[in-house]
Structure formats: C-alpha cells, structure tokens
N, C-alpha and C. Protein backbone atom coordinates (compact mmCIF):
# COMPACT_ATOMS: atom_id res chain seq x y z
N MET A 1 1.07 -1.18 -0.19
CA MET A 1 0.16 0.40 0.05
C MET A 1 0.76 1.20 -0.23
N GLU A 2 1.97 1.21 0.84
CA GLU A 2 3.19 2.31 0.54
C GLU A 2 3.25 3.02 -0.70
N ILE A 3 3.38 2.02 -1.86
CA ILE A 3 3.53 2.32 -2.96
C ILE A 3 2.86 3.38 -3.36
N PHE A 4 1.60 3.24 -3.24
CA PHE A 4 0.47 4.34 -3.44
C PHE A 4 0.03 5.20 -2.75
N GLY A 5 1.22 5.07 -1.51
CA GLY A 5 1.13 6.26 -0.58
C GLY A 5 -0.05 6.30 0.34
N ILE A 6 -0.15 5.09 0.54
CA ILE A 6 -1.57 4.68 1.59
C ILE A 6 -0.31 4.51 3.02
N SER A 7 -0.18 4.59 3.90
CA SER A 7 0.70 4.03 4.96
C SER A 7 0.13 4.71 6.25
N GLN A 8 -1.33 4.95 6.39
CA GLN A 8 -1.94 5.24 8.03
C GLN A 8 -2.75 4.28 8.41
N ILE A 9 -2.56 2.81 7.63
CA ILE A 9 -3.74 1.80 7.90
C ILE A 9 -3.49 1.33 9.05
N THR A 10 -4.16 1.88 10.14
CA THR A 10 -4.26 1.30 11.40
C THR A 10 -4.60 0.24 11.69
N SER A 11 -5.40 -0.86 11.14
CA SER A 11 -5.63 -2.13 10.93
C SER A 11 -4.30 -3.14 10.64
N ASN A 12 -3.10 -2.16 10.18
CA ASN A 12 -2.36 -3.25 9.97
C ASN A 12 -0.98 -2.91 10.65
N ARG A 13 -1.27 -4.70 10.97
CA ARG A 13 -0.82 -5.24 11.83
C ARG A 13 -0.30 -6.56 12.25
N GLN A 14 0.47 -7.13 12.93
CA GLN A 14 1.07 -8.56 12.63
C GLN A 14 0.75 -9.64 13.47
N ASP A 15 0.25 -8.85 14.41
CA ASP A 15 -0.44 -9.84 15.87
C ASP A 15 -1.38 -11.05 15.33
N TRP A 16 -2.02 -11.29 14.59
CA TRP A 16 -2.62 -11.95 13.71
C TRP A 16 -2.39 -13.34 13.13
N VAL A 17 -0.81 -12.91 13.25
CA VAL A 17 0.07 -14.30 12.74
C VAL A 17 0.16 -15.38 14.09
N ASP A 18 0.16 -15.40 15.34
CA ASP A 18 0.24 -16.25 15.95
C ASP A 18 -1.27 -16.68 16.82
N ASP A 19 -2.92 -15.93 16.19
CA ASP A 19 -3.97 -15.97 16.37
C ASP A 19 -4.26 -16.93 16.55
N PRO A 20 -4.74 -18.02 16.85
CA PRO A 20 -5.45 -19.61 16.82
C PRO A 20 -6.89 -19.47 15.91
N ASN A 21 -7.64 -18.34 16.30
CA ASN A 21 -8.94 -17.87 15.81
C ASN A 21 -8.70 -17.39 14.34
N THR A 22 -7.92 -17.13 13.92
CA THR A 22 -7.35 -16.73 11.91
C THR A 22 -6.90 -17.59 11.30
N VAL A 23 -7.75 -17.36 9.89
CA VAL A 23 -7.59 -18.91 9.29
C VAL A 23 -7.04 -17.28 8.05
N VAL A 24 -6.29 -18.25 7.88
CA VAL A 24 -4.92 -17.74 6.66
C VAL A 24 -5.37 -18.88 5.26
N ILE A 25 -5.46 -17.67 4.31
CA ILE A 25 -5.83 -18.21 3.28
C ILE A 25 -4.25 -17.91 2.33
N LEU A 26 -4.33 -19.05 1.35
CA LEU A 26 -2.77 -18.49 0.36
C LEU A 26 -2.73 -19.79 -0.59
N VAL A 27 -2.27 -18.63 -1.80
CA VAL A 27 -2.46 -19.09 -3.43
C VAL A 27 -0.84 -19.27 -3.63
N GLU A 28 -0.73 -20.67 -3.94
CA GLU A 28 0.60 -20.67 -3.81
C GLU A 28 1.02 -21.92 -5.12
N ASN A 29 2.31 -21.69 -5.87
CA ASN A 29 2.71 -22.65 -7.00
C ASN A 29 3.14 -23.68 -5.92
N PRO A 30 2.61 -25.23 -6.33
CA PRO A 30 2.57 -26.07 -5.54
C PRO A 30 4.35 -26.92 -5.55
N GLU A 31 4.78 -26.06 -6.95
CA GLU A 31 5.93 -27.20 -7.35
C GLU A 31 7.14 -26.30 -6.97
N THR A 32 6.83 -24.45 -6.67
CA THR A 32 8.38 -23.93 -6.20
C THR A 32 7.84 -23.93 -5.11
N GLY A 33 6.89 -23.57 -4.39
CA GLY A 33 6.26 -23.08 -2.92
C GLY A 33 6.03 -21.67 -3.49
N MET A 34 6.19 -20.60 -4.26
CA MET A 34 5.92 -19.36 -4.08
C MET A 34 4.64 -19.03 -4.50
N VAL A 35 4.46 -18.02 -3.17
CA VAL A 35 2.77 -17.41 -2.81
C VAL A 35 2.69 -16.59 -3.50
N TYR A 36 1.79 -16.00 -4.17
CA TYR A 36 1.09 -15.41 -5.22
C TYR A 36 0.45 -14.26 -4.71
N GLY A 37 -0.58 -14.68 -3.23
CA GLY A 37 -2.01 -14.05 -2.88
C GLY A 37 -1.64 -14.35 -1.91
N GLY A 38 -3.01 -13.57 -0.86
CA GLY A 38 -3.34 -14.37 0.24
C GLY A 38 -3.94 -13.64 1.31
N ALA A 39 -5.34 -13.59 1.87
CA ALA A 39 -6.36 -13.44 2.65
C ALA A 39 -6.14 -14.05 3.81
N ARG A 40 -7.18 -13.25 4.89
CA ARG A 40 -7.46 -14.03 6.28
C ARG A 40 -8.69 -13.67 6.62
N VAL A 41 -9.48 -14.56 7.63
CA VAL A 41 -10.68 -14.75 7.96
C VAL A 41 -9.92 -14.76 9.22
N GLN A 42 -10.63 -13.50 10.51
CA GLN A 42 -10.34 -13.59 11.63
C GLN A 42 -12.00 -13.61 11.79
N LEU A 43 -11.95 -14.29 13.41
CA LEU A 43 -12.89 -14.41 14.26
C LEU A 43 -13.35 -13.51 15.13
N ALA A 44 -14.42 -12.90 15.70
CA ALA A 44 -14.37 -11.98 16.47
C ALA A 44 -13.99 -12.66 17.86
N ARG A 45 -14.48 -13.94 17.95
CA ARG A 45 -13.91 -14.65 19.12
C ARG A 45 -12.34 -14.58 19.71
N SER A 46 -11.65 -14.26 18.80
CA SER A 46 -10.81 -13.98 19.05
C SER A 46 -10.39 -12.80 20.13
N SER A 47 -8.87 -13.06 21.23
CA SER A 47 -8.45 -12.04 22.07
C SER A 47 -8.09 -10.86 21.15
N LEU A 48 -7.91 -11.05 19.96
CA LEU A 48 -8.17 -9.95 19.23
C LEU A 48 -9.12 -8.86 18.96
N THR A 49 -8.61 -7.88 18.50
CA THR A 49 -9.75 -6.80 17.52
C THR A 49 -9.55 -7.19 16.56
N LEU A 50 -11.42 -6.99 15.78
CA LEU A 50 -10.56 -7.08 14.23
C LEU A 50 -10.76 -5.75 14.03
N PRO A 51 -9.73 -6.22 12.44
CA PRO A 51 -9.22 -4.84 12.07
C PRO A 51 -10.34 -3.83 11.86
N ILE A 52 -11.15 -4.27 11.34
CA ILE A 52 -12.99 -3.19 10.56
C ILE A 52 -12.98 -2.48 11.86
N GLU A 53 -13.18 -3.38 13.51
CA GLU A 53 -13.11 -2.30 14.41
C GLU A 53 -12.12 -1.07 14.95
N THR A 54 -10.81 -1.93 14.48
CA THR A 54 -9.55 -0.75 15.19
C THR A 54 -9.57 0.61 14.03
N ALA A 55 -10.00 0.11 12.64
CA ALA A 55 -10.17 1.13 11.43
C ALA A 55 -11.17 2.02 11.60
N ILE A 56 -12.25 1.73 11.73
CA ILE A 56 -13.34 2.43 12.01
C ILE A 56 -14.17 3.05 13.46
N GLY A 57 -13.27 2.30 14.64
CA GLY A 57 -13.96 2.66 15.61
C GLY A 57 -14.29 3.45 16.72
N ARG A 58 -13.15 4.77 15.83
CA ARG A 58 -13.43 6.02 16.26
C ARG A 58 -14.01 7.11 16.04
N TYR A 59 -14.28 6.37 14.27
CA TYR A 59 -15.48 7.42 13.59
C TYR A 59 -17.08 6.70 14.14
N ASP A 60 -16.93 5.29 14.46
CA ASP A 60 -18.67 4.87 14.66
C ASP A 60 -18.68 4.13 16.07
N GLU A 61 -19.22 4.42 16.99
CA GLU A 61 -18.68 3.52 18.12
C GLU A 61 -19.34 2.52 17.93
N GLN A 62 -20.67 2.42 16.79
CA GLN A 62 -21.66 1.70 16.93
C GLN A 62 -21.56 0.14 16.52
N ILE A 63 -19.60 0.52 15.12
CA ILE A 63 -19.74 -0.91 15.14
C ILE A 63 -19.66 -2.08 16.39
N TYR A 64 -19.16 -1.47 17.15
CA TYR A 64 -18.61 -2.38 18.73
C TYR A 64 -20.09 -3.40 18.94
N ASP A 65 -20.92 -2.24 19.20
CA ASP A 65 -22.60 -3.19 19.48
C ASP A 65 -22.75 -4.21 17.99
N LEU A 66 -22.48 -4.06 16.95
CA LEU A 66 -22.77 -4.66 15.88
C LEU A 66 -22.04 -5.88 16.04
N ILE A 67 -20.57 -5.55 16.16
CA ILE A 67 -19.84 -7.21 16.32
C ILE A 67 -20.21 -7.81 17.46
N ARG A 68 -20.45 -7.38 18.98
CA ARG A 68 -21.28 -7.76 20.08
C ARG A 68 -22.33 -8.53 19.52
N SER A 69 -23.38 -8.51 19.02
CA SER A 69 -24.97 -8.37 18.47
C SER A 69 -24.61 -9.59 17.71
N ASP A 70 -23.62 -9.59 17.09
CA ASP A 70 -23.54 -10.64 15.92
C ASP A 70 -22.59 -12.07 16.49
N GLU A 71 -22.03 -11.67 17.60
CA GLU A 71 -21.48 -12.86 18.63
C GLU A 71 -22.28 -13.29 19.26
N LEU A 72 -23.43 -13.28 19.34
CA LEU A 72 -24.37 -13.55 20.24
C LEU A 72 -25.03 -14.20 19.59
N ARG A 73 -25.57 -14.38 18.69
CA ARG A 73 -26.54 -14.76 17.74
C ARG A 73 -25.73 -15.59 16.81
N GLY A 74 -24.51 -16.13 17.01
CA GLY A 74 -23.91 -16.78 16.38
C GLY A 74 -22.38 -17.10 15.92
N GLY A 75 -21.94 -15.98 16.18
CA GLY A 75 -20.56 -15.37 15.85
C GLY A 75 -20.43 -14.77 14.74
N THR A 76 -19.21 -14.28 14.68
CA THR A 76 -18.73 -13.30 13.26
C THR A 76 -17.79 -13.53 12.65
N CYS A 77 -16.93 -12.91 11.48
CA CYS A 77 -15.82 -13.27 11.75
C CYS A 77 -15.50 -11.28 10.33
N GLU A 78 -14.40 -11.14 10.04
CA GLU A 78 -13.72 -10.47 9.20
C GLU A 78 -12.90 -11.03 7.88
N ILE A 79 -13.28 -11.12 6.65
CA ILE A 79 -12.16 -11.16 6.02
C ILE A 79 -11.19 -9.75 5.81
N CYS A 80 -10.29 -10.65 5.62
CA CYS A 80 -9.60 -9.11 5.33
C CYS A 80 -7.81 -9.15 4.72
N GLY A 81 -7.17 -8.54 4.72
CA GLY A 81 -5.81 -8.54 4.30
C GLY A 81 -5.40 -9.02 3.24
N LEU A 82 -6.18 -8.86 1.90
CA LEU A 82 -6.52 -9.58 1.12
C LEU A 82 -5.64 -8.55 -0.26
N TRP A 83 -4.61 -9.91 -0.84
CA TRP A 83 -3.71 -8.95 -1.46
C TRP A 83 -3.33 -10.10 -2.49
N ASN A 84 -2.43 -9.56 -3.88
CA ASN A 84 -2.48 -10.69 -4.89
C ASN A 84 -0.52 -10.08 -5.19
N SER A 85 0.12 -10.40 -5.82
CA SER A 85 1.69 -10.36 -6.26
C SER A 85 1.29 -9.59 -7.77
N ARG A 86 2.25 -9.01 -8.11
CA ARG A 86 2.37 -7.99 -9.48
C ARG A 86 2.48 -9.28 -10.61
N GLU A 87 2.64 -10.80 -10.08
CA GLU A 87 3.28 -11.48 -11.13
C GLU A 87 1.60 -12.11 -11.60
N ILE A 88 0.50 -11.96 -10.74
CA ILE A 88 -0.77 -12.80 -10.88
C ILE A 88 -1.58 -11.82 -11.12
N ALA A 89 -1.68 -10.22 -11.11
CA ALA A 89 -1.69 -9.32 -11.63
C ALA A 89 -2.91 -9.69 -12.92
N GLY A 90 -4.21 -9.34 -12.37
CA GLY A 90 -5.27 -9.41 -13.92
C GLY A 90 -5.73 -10.70 -14.22
N MET A 91 -5.58 -11.20 -13.39
CA MET A 91 -5.66 -12.53 -13.44
C MET A 91 -7.23 -13.23 -12.90
N GLY A 92 -7.46 -11.85 -11.88
CA GLY A 92 -8.29 -12.65 -11.23
C GLY A 92 -9.00 -12.75 -9.77
N ILE A 93 -7.17 -13.09 -9.69
CA ILE A 93 -7.34 -14.06 -8.47
C ILE A 93 -7.71 -13.72 -7.25
N GLY A 94 -6.99 -12.04 -6.77
CA GLY A 94 -7.71 -11.19 -5.55
C GLY A 94 -8.62 -10.76 -5.82
N SER A 95 -8.99 -10.30 -7.03
CA SER A 95 -10.35 -9.55 -7.37
C SER A 95 -11.52 -11.14 -6.93
N TYR A 96 -11.15 -11.80 -7.33
CA TYR A 96 -12.32 -13.16 -7.49
C TYR A 96 -11.90 -14.17 -6.71
N ILE A 97 -11.18 -14.81 -6.62
CA ILE A 97 -11.01 -16.29 -6.28
C ILE A 97 -10.52 -16.44 -4.32
N LEU A 98 -9.77 -15.14 -3.69
CA LEU A 98 -9.85 -15.09 -2.67
C LEU A 98 -11.22 -14.77 -1.93
N ALA A 99 -11.66 -13.88 -2.22
CA ALA A 99 -13.04 -13.34 -2.09
C ALA A 99 -14.00 -14.34 -1.51
N ARG A 100 -13.64 -15.01 -2.82
CA ARG A 100 -14.78 -16.06 -2.73
C ARG A 100 -14.88 -17.73 -2.44
N VAL A 101 -13.24 -17.75 -2.06
CA VAL A 101 -12.91 -18.77 -0.75
C VAL A 101 -13.01 -18.01 0.50
N GLY A 102 -12.85 -16.83 0.62
CA GLY A 102 -13.18 -16.42 1.96
C GLY A 102 -14.63 -16.37 2.33
N VAL A 103 -15.53 -16.15 1.58
CA VAL A 103 -16.59 -16.49 1.71
C VAL A 103 -17.37 -18.34 2.46
N ALA A 104 -16.79 -18.95 0.97
CA ALA A 104 -16.57 -20.22 0.75
C ALA A 104 -16.61 -21.31 2.78
N ILE A 105 -15.66 -20.96 3.11
CA ILE A 105 -15.03 -21.35 4.07
C ILE A 105 -15.45 -21.13 5.75
N THR A 106 -16.63 -20.10 5.36
CA THR A 106 -16.68 -19.12 6.70
C THR A 106 -18.26 -20.67 6.97
N THR A 107 -18.88 -21.45 6.11
CA THR A 107 -19.34 -22.99 7.01
C THR A 107 -18.80 -23.61 7.68
N GLN A 108 -17.36 -23.61 7.75
CA GLN A 108 -16.84 -24.63 8.69
C GLN A 108 -16.21 -23.98 9.95
N LEU A 109 -16.55 -22.62 10.54
CA LEU A 109 -16.06 -22.23 11.19
C LEU A 109 -17.31 -21.82 12.43
N PRO A 110 -17.23 -21.48 12.99
CA PRO A 110 -18.52 -20.92 14.33
C PRO A 110 -18.72 -19.49 14.36
N VAL A 111 -19.47 -19.06 12.99
CA VAL A 111 -19.90 -18.27 13.01
C VAL A 111 -21.38 -18.30 11.80
N ALA A 112 -22.02 -17.02 12.11
CA ALA A 112 -23.54 -16.88 11.48
C ALA A 112 -23.33 -15.41 10.49
N SER A 113 -21.96 -14.64 10.25
CA SER A 113 -22.23 -13.56 9.63
C SER A 113 -20.84 -13.45 9.11
N LEU A 114 -20.59 -12.42 8.38
CA LEU A 114 -19.23 -11.71 8.06
C LEU A 114 -19.16 -10.36 7.70
N LEU A 115 -17.94 -9.64 8.01
CA LEU A 115 -17.68 -8.14 7.75
C LEU A 115 -16.52 -8.26 6.71
N VAL A 116 -16.61 -7.36 6.02
CA VAL A 116 -15.66 -6.70 4.64
C VAL A 116 -15.24 -5.15 5.02
N LEU A 117 -14.24 -5.02 4.86
CA LEU A 117 -14.26 -3.62 4.78
C LEU A 117 -13.81 -3.11 3.57
N CYS A 118 -14.32 -2.59 2.24
CA CYS A 118 -14.05 -2.46 0.81
C CYS A 118 -13.41 -1.07 0.60
N ALA A 119 -12.55 -1.30 -0.91
CA ALA A 119 -12.14 0.28 -1.01
C ALA A 119 -13.23 0.63 -2.17
N PRO A 120 -13.67 1.70 -2.49
CA PRO A 120 -14.20 1.54 -3.79
C PRO A 120 -13.96 1.00 -4.82
N ILE A 121 -12.96 0.21 -5.39
CA ILE A 121 -12.93 -0.73 -6.28
C ILE A 121 -13.57 -1.87 -6.24
N THR A 122 -13.74 -2.76 -4.88
CA THR A 122 -13.52 -3.91 -4.39
C THR A 122 -15.18 -4.20 -3.75
N VAL A 123 -15.80 -2.68 -3.57
CA VAL A 123 -17.72 -2.92 -3.30
C VAL A 123 -18.58 -3.78 -4.16
N LYS A 124 -18.09 -3.89 -5.68
CA LYS A 124 -18.80 -4.63 -6.49
C LYS A 124 -18.24 -6.22 -6.40
N MET A 125 -16.82 -6.63 -5.74
CA MET A 125 -16.63 -7.74 -5.67
C MET A 125 -17.81 -8.32 -4.29
N GLY A 126 -17.70 -7.18 -3.06
CA GLY A 126 -18.72 -7.82 -1.82
C GLY A 126 -20.45 -7.97 -2.74
N LEU A 127 -20.55 -6.64 -3.49
CA LEU A 127 -21.41 -7.00 -3.90
C LEU A 127 -22.27 -8.64 -4.44
N ARG A 128 -20.82 -8.58 -5.34
CA ARG A 128 -21.31 -10.08 -6.50
C ARG A 128 -21.32 -11.32 -5.54
N LEU A 129 -20.24 -11.44 -4.00
CA LEU A 129 -20.41 -12.68 -3.47
C LEU A 129 -21.75 -12.48 -2.13
N GLY A 130 -22.27 -11.54 -2.61
CA GLY A 130 -23.78 -11.54 -1.39
C GLY A 130 -23.89 -10.73 -0.17
N CYS A 131 -23.12 -9.76 -0.07
CA CYS A 131 -22.81 -8.76 0.92
C CYS A 131 -23.83 -7.79 0.87
N GLU A 132 -24.15 -7.02 1.67
CA GLU A 132 -24.96 -5.84 1.24
C GLU A 132 -23.96 -4.42 2.04
N VAL A 133 -24.11 -3.07 1.41
CA VAL A 133 -23.60 -2.48 2.67
C VAL A 133 -23.97 -1.97 3.58
N GLU A 134 -23.50 -1.78 5.09
CA GLU A 134 -24.44 -1.79 6.12
C GLU A 134 -24.38 -0.34 6.69
N LYS A 135 -25.49 0.25 6.28
CA LYS A 135 -25.85 1.32 6.22
C LYS A 135 -25.94 2.40 8.00
N SER A 136 -26.12 0.97 8.11
CA SER A 136 -26.37 1.92 9.99
C SER A 136 -25.26 2.20 10.62
N LEU A 137 -23.78 2.29 9.86
CA LEU A 137 -22.71 2.69 10.63
C LEU A 137 -22.42 3.64 9.63
N GLY A 138 -21.33 4.57 9.91
CA GLY A 138 -20.94 5.97 9.32
C GLY A 138 -22.37 6.65 8.38
N ASN A 139 -21.65 7.01 7.22
CA ASN A 139 -22.30 7.90 6.14
C ASN A 139 -23.34 6.45 5.10
N ASN A 140 -24.54 5.99 5.84
CA ASN A 140 -25.08 5.30 4.89
C ASN A 140 -23.63 4.16 4.85
N GLY A 141 -22.41 3.50 5.73
CA GLY A 141 -21.96 2.90 5.60
C GLY A 141 -20.49 2.86 4.94
N LEU A 142 -20.29 4.45 4.50
CA LEU A 142 -19.21 5.14 4.04
C LEU A 142 -18.44 5.54 5.21
N PHE A 143 -16.98 5.72 5.01
CA PHE A 143 -16.07 6.26 5.65
C PHE A 143 -15.10 6.62 5.40
N TYR A 144 -14.61 8.04 5.33
CA TYR A 144 -12.99 8.61 4.91
C TYR A 144 -12.37 7.47 5.85
N TYR A 145 -11.62 6.54 5.07
CA TYR A 145 -10.33 5.85 5.78
C TYR A 145 -9.68 5.48 4.60
N PRO A 146 -8.51 4.98 4.64
CA PRO A 146 -7.35 5.81 5.40
C PRO A 146 -6.87 7.04 5.42
N LYS A 147 -7.61 7.76 4.52
CA LYS A 147 -6.87 9.29 4.16
C LYS A 147 -8.61 9.98 4.17
N ASP A 148 -8.12 11.24 4.28
CA ASP A 148 -9.40 12.41 3.96
C ASP A 148 -10.25 12.06 2.23
N ASP A 149 -9.17 11.56 1.55
CA ASP A 149 -9.86 11.20 0.29
C ASP A 149 -9.69 10.31 -0.03
N LEU A 150 -10.31 9.24 0.74
CA LEU A 150 -9.87 7.62 0.61
C LEU A 150 -11.20 7.08 1.05
N ILE A 151 -12.55 6.58 0.00
CA ILE A 151 -13.72 6.19 0.91
C ILE A 151 -13.40 4.45 0.96
N ALA A 152 -14.08 4.32 2.51
CA ALA A 152 -14.16 2.90 2.54
C ALA A 152 -15.78 2.25 3.26
N THR A 153 -15.72 1.55 2.38
CA THR A 153 -17.70 0.84 2.45
C THR A 153 -17.36 -0.50 3.38
N VAL A 154 -18.24 -0.04 4.53
CA VAL A 154 -18.48 -1.23 5.30
C VAL A 154 -19.54 -2.10 4.87
N MET A 155 -19.08 -3.21 4.49
CA MET A 155 -20.37 -4.55 4.12
C MET A 155 -20.22 -5.63 4.94
N ARG A 156 -21.41 -6.60 4.58
CA ARG A 156 -21.53 -6.98 5.73
C ARG A 156 -22.44 -8.64 5.17
N MET A 157 -22.44 -9.83 5.33
CA MET A 157 -23.40 -10.64 5.17
C MET A 157 -23.68 -11.23 6.49
N HIS A 158 -25.12 -10.68 6.67
CA HIS A 158 -25.94 -11.22 7.80
C HIS A 158 -26.05 -12.82 7.81
N ASP A 159 -26.15 -13.22 6.87
CA ASP A 159 -26.51 -14.86 7.17
C ASP A 159 -25.53 -15.19 5.99
N ILE A 160 -24.22 -16.23 6.52
CA ILE A 160 -23.60 -16.80 5.71
C ILE A 160 -24.25 -18.14 5.06
N HIS A 161 -25.14 -18.90 5.21
CA HIS A 161 -26.02 -19.80 4.73
C HIS A 161 -26.67 -19.06 3.41
N ASP A 162 -27.19 -17.41 3.67
CA ASP A 162 -27.93 -17.15 2.37
C ASP A 162 -27.42 -16.94 1.72
N LEU A 163 -27.15 -17.35 0.23
CA LEU A 163 -26.25 -16.70 -1.02
C LEU A 163 -27.59 -15.76 -1.92
N SER A 164 -28.71 -15.88 -1.26
CA SER A 164 -29.21 -15.13 -2.65
C SER A 164 -29.21 -14.10 -3.46
N ARG A 165 -28.37 -13.52 -2.33
CA ARG A 165 -28.24 -11.72 -3.19
C ARG A 165 -26.87 -11.79 -3.79
N ALA A 166 -26.17 -13.39 -3.69
CA ALA A 166 -25.14 -13.36 -4.68
C ALA A 166 -25.17 -13.70 -6.46
N THR A 167 -24.83 -13.15 -6.83
CA THR A 167 -24.85 -13.44 -8.33
C THR A 167 -24.84 -14.65 -8.74
N ASP A 168 -25.51 -15.52 -9.95
CA ASP A 168 -25.79 -16.73 -10.08
C ASP A 168 -24.71 -17.66 -10.13
N THR A 169 -23.55 -16.57 -10.68
CA THR A 169 -22.19 -17.43 -11.02
C THR A 169 -21.49 -17.80 -9.47
N GLU A 170 -21.61 -16.73 -8.86
CA GLU A 170 -20.76 -16.70 -7.48
C GLU A 170 -21.73 -17.77 -6.25
N ARG A 171 -22.68 -17.58 -6.64
CA ARG A 171 -23.30 -18.66 -5.43
C ARG A 171 -23.10 -20.16 -6.04
N GLU A 172 -23.08 -20.20 -7.21
CA GLU A 172 -23.09 -21.84 -7.71
C GLU A 172 -21.43 -22.26 -7.43
N LYS A 173 -20.38 -21.42 -7.75
CA LYS A 173 -19.34 -21.45 -7.53
C LYS A 173 -18.90 -21.63 -5.99
N ILE A 174 -19.35 -20.68 -5.09
CA ILE A 174 -19.33 -20.82 -3.40
C ILE A 174 -20.26 -22.29 -2.95
N LEU A 175 -21.06 -22.24 -3.44
CA LEU A 175 -21.57 -23.54 -2.89
C LEU A 175 -20.53 -25.08 -3.30
N SER A 176 -20.04 -24.98 -4.54
CA SER A 176 -19.84 -25.78 -4.83
C SER A 176 -18.34 -26.15 -4.20
N LEU A 177 -17.69 -25.08 -3.45
CA LEU A 177 -16.55 -25.73 -2.74
C LEU A 177 -16.62 -25.52 -1.39
N ARG A 178 -17.84 -25.52 -0.93
CA ARG A 178 -18.56 -25.92 0.16
C ARG A 178 -18.63 -26.98 0.52
N ASN A 179 -19.18 -27.53 -0.74
CA ASN A 179 -19.66 -28.78 -1.18
C ASN A 179 -18.83 -29.76 -1.06
N ASN A 180 -17.54 -29.18 -1.83
CA ASN A 180 -16.71 -30.22 -2.21
C ASN A 180 -15.40 -29.32 -2.01
N PRO A 181 -15.14 -29.13 -0.83
CA PRO A 181 -13.19 -28.71 -0.62
C PRO A 181 -12.13 -28.52 -1.22
N GLN A 182 -12.25 -29.71 -1.43
CA GLN A 182 -10.74 -30.30 -2.08
C GLN A 182 -11.48 -30.19 -3.53
N GLN A 183 -10.74 -29.68 -4.53
CA GLN A 183 -10.82 -29.96 -6.14
C GLN A 183 -9.77 -29.46 -7.14
N GLU A 184 -9.89 -30.08 -8.09
CA GLU A 184 -9.27 -28.88 -9.18
C GLU A 184 -10.32 -28.56 -10.28
N THR A 185 -10.05 -27.53 -10.86
CA THR A 185 -10.86 -26.80 -11.86
C THR A 185 -10.31 -26.12 -12.52
N LEU A 186 -10.61 -25.57 -13.59
CA LEU A 186 -10.25 -24.42 -14.49
C LEU A 186 -10.75 -23.00 -14.05
N GLU A 187 -9.88 -22.49 -13.24
CA GLU A 187 -10.95 -20.93 -13.65
C GLU A 187 -10.33 -19.65 -14.64
N ARG A 188 -11.27 -19.00 -14.61
CA ARG A 188 -11.31 -17.88 -16.12
C ARG A 188 -11.05 -16.70 -15.26
N GLY A 189 -10.18 -16.22 -16.06
CA GLY A 189 -10.14 -14.42 -15.34
C GLY A 189 -9.78 -13.74 -16.73
N PRO A 190 -9.40 -12.26 -16.49
CA PRO A 190 -9.46 -11.28 -17.32
C PRO A 190 -8.31 -11.48 -18.63
N LYS A 191 -7.51 -12.45 -18.12
CA LYS A 191 -6.22 -12.86 -19.15
C LYS A 191 -6.59 -14.28 -19.30
N GLY A 192 -7.85 -15.07 -19.45
CA GLY A 192 -8.18 -16.08 -19.87
C GLY A 192 -7.90 -17.32 -18.81
N GLU A 193 -8.00 -18.85 -18.95
CA GLU A 193 -8.17 -19.72 -18.34
C GLU A 193 -6.87 -20.22 -17.56
N PHE A 194 -6.96 -20.73 -16.39
CA PHE A 194 -5.50 -21.07 -15.53
C PHE A 194 -5.78 -22.43 -14.60
N PRO A 195 -5.66 -23.12 -14.22
CA PRO A 195 -5.95 -24.72 -13.23
C PRO A 195 -5.62 -24.05 -12.03
N VAL A 196 -6.75 -24.57 -10.99
CA VAL A 196 -6.99 -24.34 -9.73
C VAL A 196 -6.88 -25.53 -8.84
N ARG A 197 -5.73 -25.78 -8.10
CA ARG A 197 -5.80 -26.82 -7.40
C ARG A 197 -6.48 -26.51 -6.07
N TYR A 198 -8.21 -26.74 -4.86
CA TYR A 198 -8.61 -26.31 -3.85
C TYR A 198 -7.92 -27.00 -3.26
N ASP A 199 -7.68 -26.51 -1.73
CA ASP A 199 -7.50 -27.83 -0.54
C ASP A 199 -8.15 -26.73 0.51
N LEU A 200 -9.38 -26.63 1.01
CA LEU A 200 -9.66 -25.63 1.91
C LEU A 200 -10.65 -26.33 3.06
N LYS A 201 -10.20 -27.14 3.26
CA LYS A 201 -10.47 -27.69 4.52
C LYS A 201 -9.84 -26.98 5.94
N VAL A 202 -10.47 -26.74 6.76
CA VAL A 202 -10.22 -25.81 7.83
C VAL A 202 -10.49 -26.97 9.13
N PRO A 203 -9.23 -26.81 10.11
CA PRO A 203 -8.88 -27.54 11.05
C PRO A 203 -10.03 -27.31 11.71
N LYS A 204 -10.69 -27.84 12.96
CA LYS A 204 -11.97 -27.99 14.01
C LYS A 204 -11.33 -26.60 14.89
N PHE A 205 -12.24 -25.84 15.25
CA PHE A 205 -11.88 -24.65 16.58
C PHE A 205 -12.33 -25.59 17.67
N ASN A 206 -11.42 -25.28 18.87
CA ASN A 206 -12.23 -25.24 19.85
C ASN A 206 -12.50 -24.44 20.64
N LEU A 207 -13.80 -24.79 20.56
CA LEU A 207 -15.27 -24.07 21.15
C LEU A 207 -15.27 -23.60 22.57
C-alpha cells in the first residue's frame, strides 16, 4: 500500500500471525512454494479486535455493538488482508478467487455472519458475493479511511448460509467449494483460463 502513498492503515498489524482464531488463505505454486497472494478470515471470538473495529471504531462506536450482537447470535468474522502479487495481477485471483474462498470457508467456522471493509474498487466484489452495504454505520456505510480523500465501505453478510443476493455464478461457485472443498478446476479470469487446485478444509476450532 505504501507504493500508492497509503501508510496510515491503523489495522495493519502482525499480531494475527500467532492467533489460533485466524484462518490464513494462501495462493501458492505447489512446485516452487512461491506465494502469489493471500487473505485471512479473523474470528471476532479471538482475543484480538477485528481490523474493522480498529479502523472505524474511532469514527463510529456502533461497530462494537454490531459485532457483539452478531457474536451473540452465532459469531462473526472479517475477511481482510487480501492481496496478490504483481506476477498474477489481472488474472482475477485477488478480486475473485480469494474473496470467494473467504466466503466459502465460513460455513466451517463458528460464525453466522461476516464483515468486510471495502475500497471503492472492491465494493462490486462484495455485492457480487452477496454482501450488503451496512448503512447503519458511518454515512450510510461509508467512511473516509485511511485518508480523508479515500472512501471505505462497510459490507456485511447477515447470514453466511443465505446466498440469495449473490450473483448466479458466484453462488454456484461458492456452493461448489462448500460441498467439495478439495477439488481441481479451471478458473477463468480477464487473462484467460488457468488451473486451480483447492484445498479448503479448515481444522476444527476449540469452542
């Protein structure tokens, strides 16, 4: 992010590395072990605050009540830290596959809902996956973050089992990954087709 002049991200911390309630998603070359991208799903039941709490809590304290409410009705999590390397830029791995996998694996976790803080360019991604703008926070879900000239949008999936708002294509792909978390398939992105081997089984959590 510093390449683009963005260095004030309050949620850019590394303490999640040792957190047993954070699931890390990696895209790697199985032959070389080179990592091309990643994301993480962080559970609110962790001893750590969610990045979205750190990011917007000082602007709207209602985020804390929303997360606590979702914890009481089954748990919640945040999909965050999504990135991809320049080697695979434009293939759709960051904008499509990683976000889709994040939603897909939530049914293996002790959660009922999920949150994501989106930049303007990724709001369409959230809508495509079935999330809604959480208009109860900020200015109808919008915040000036991490700088006054940048906008972030709070998005939420109230029920991880309800994919009725997702596009037909995304719903089909998410359900396929949930029903068969270990599979090989051809994915299509802006630069054409490429093979992907998914291994999405998540270890059981100690409740």
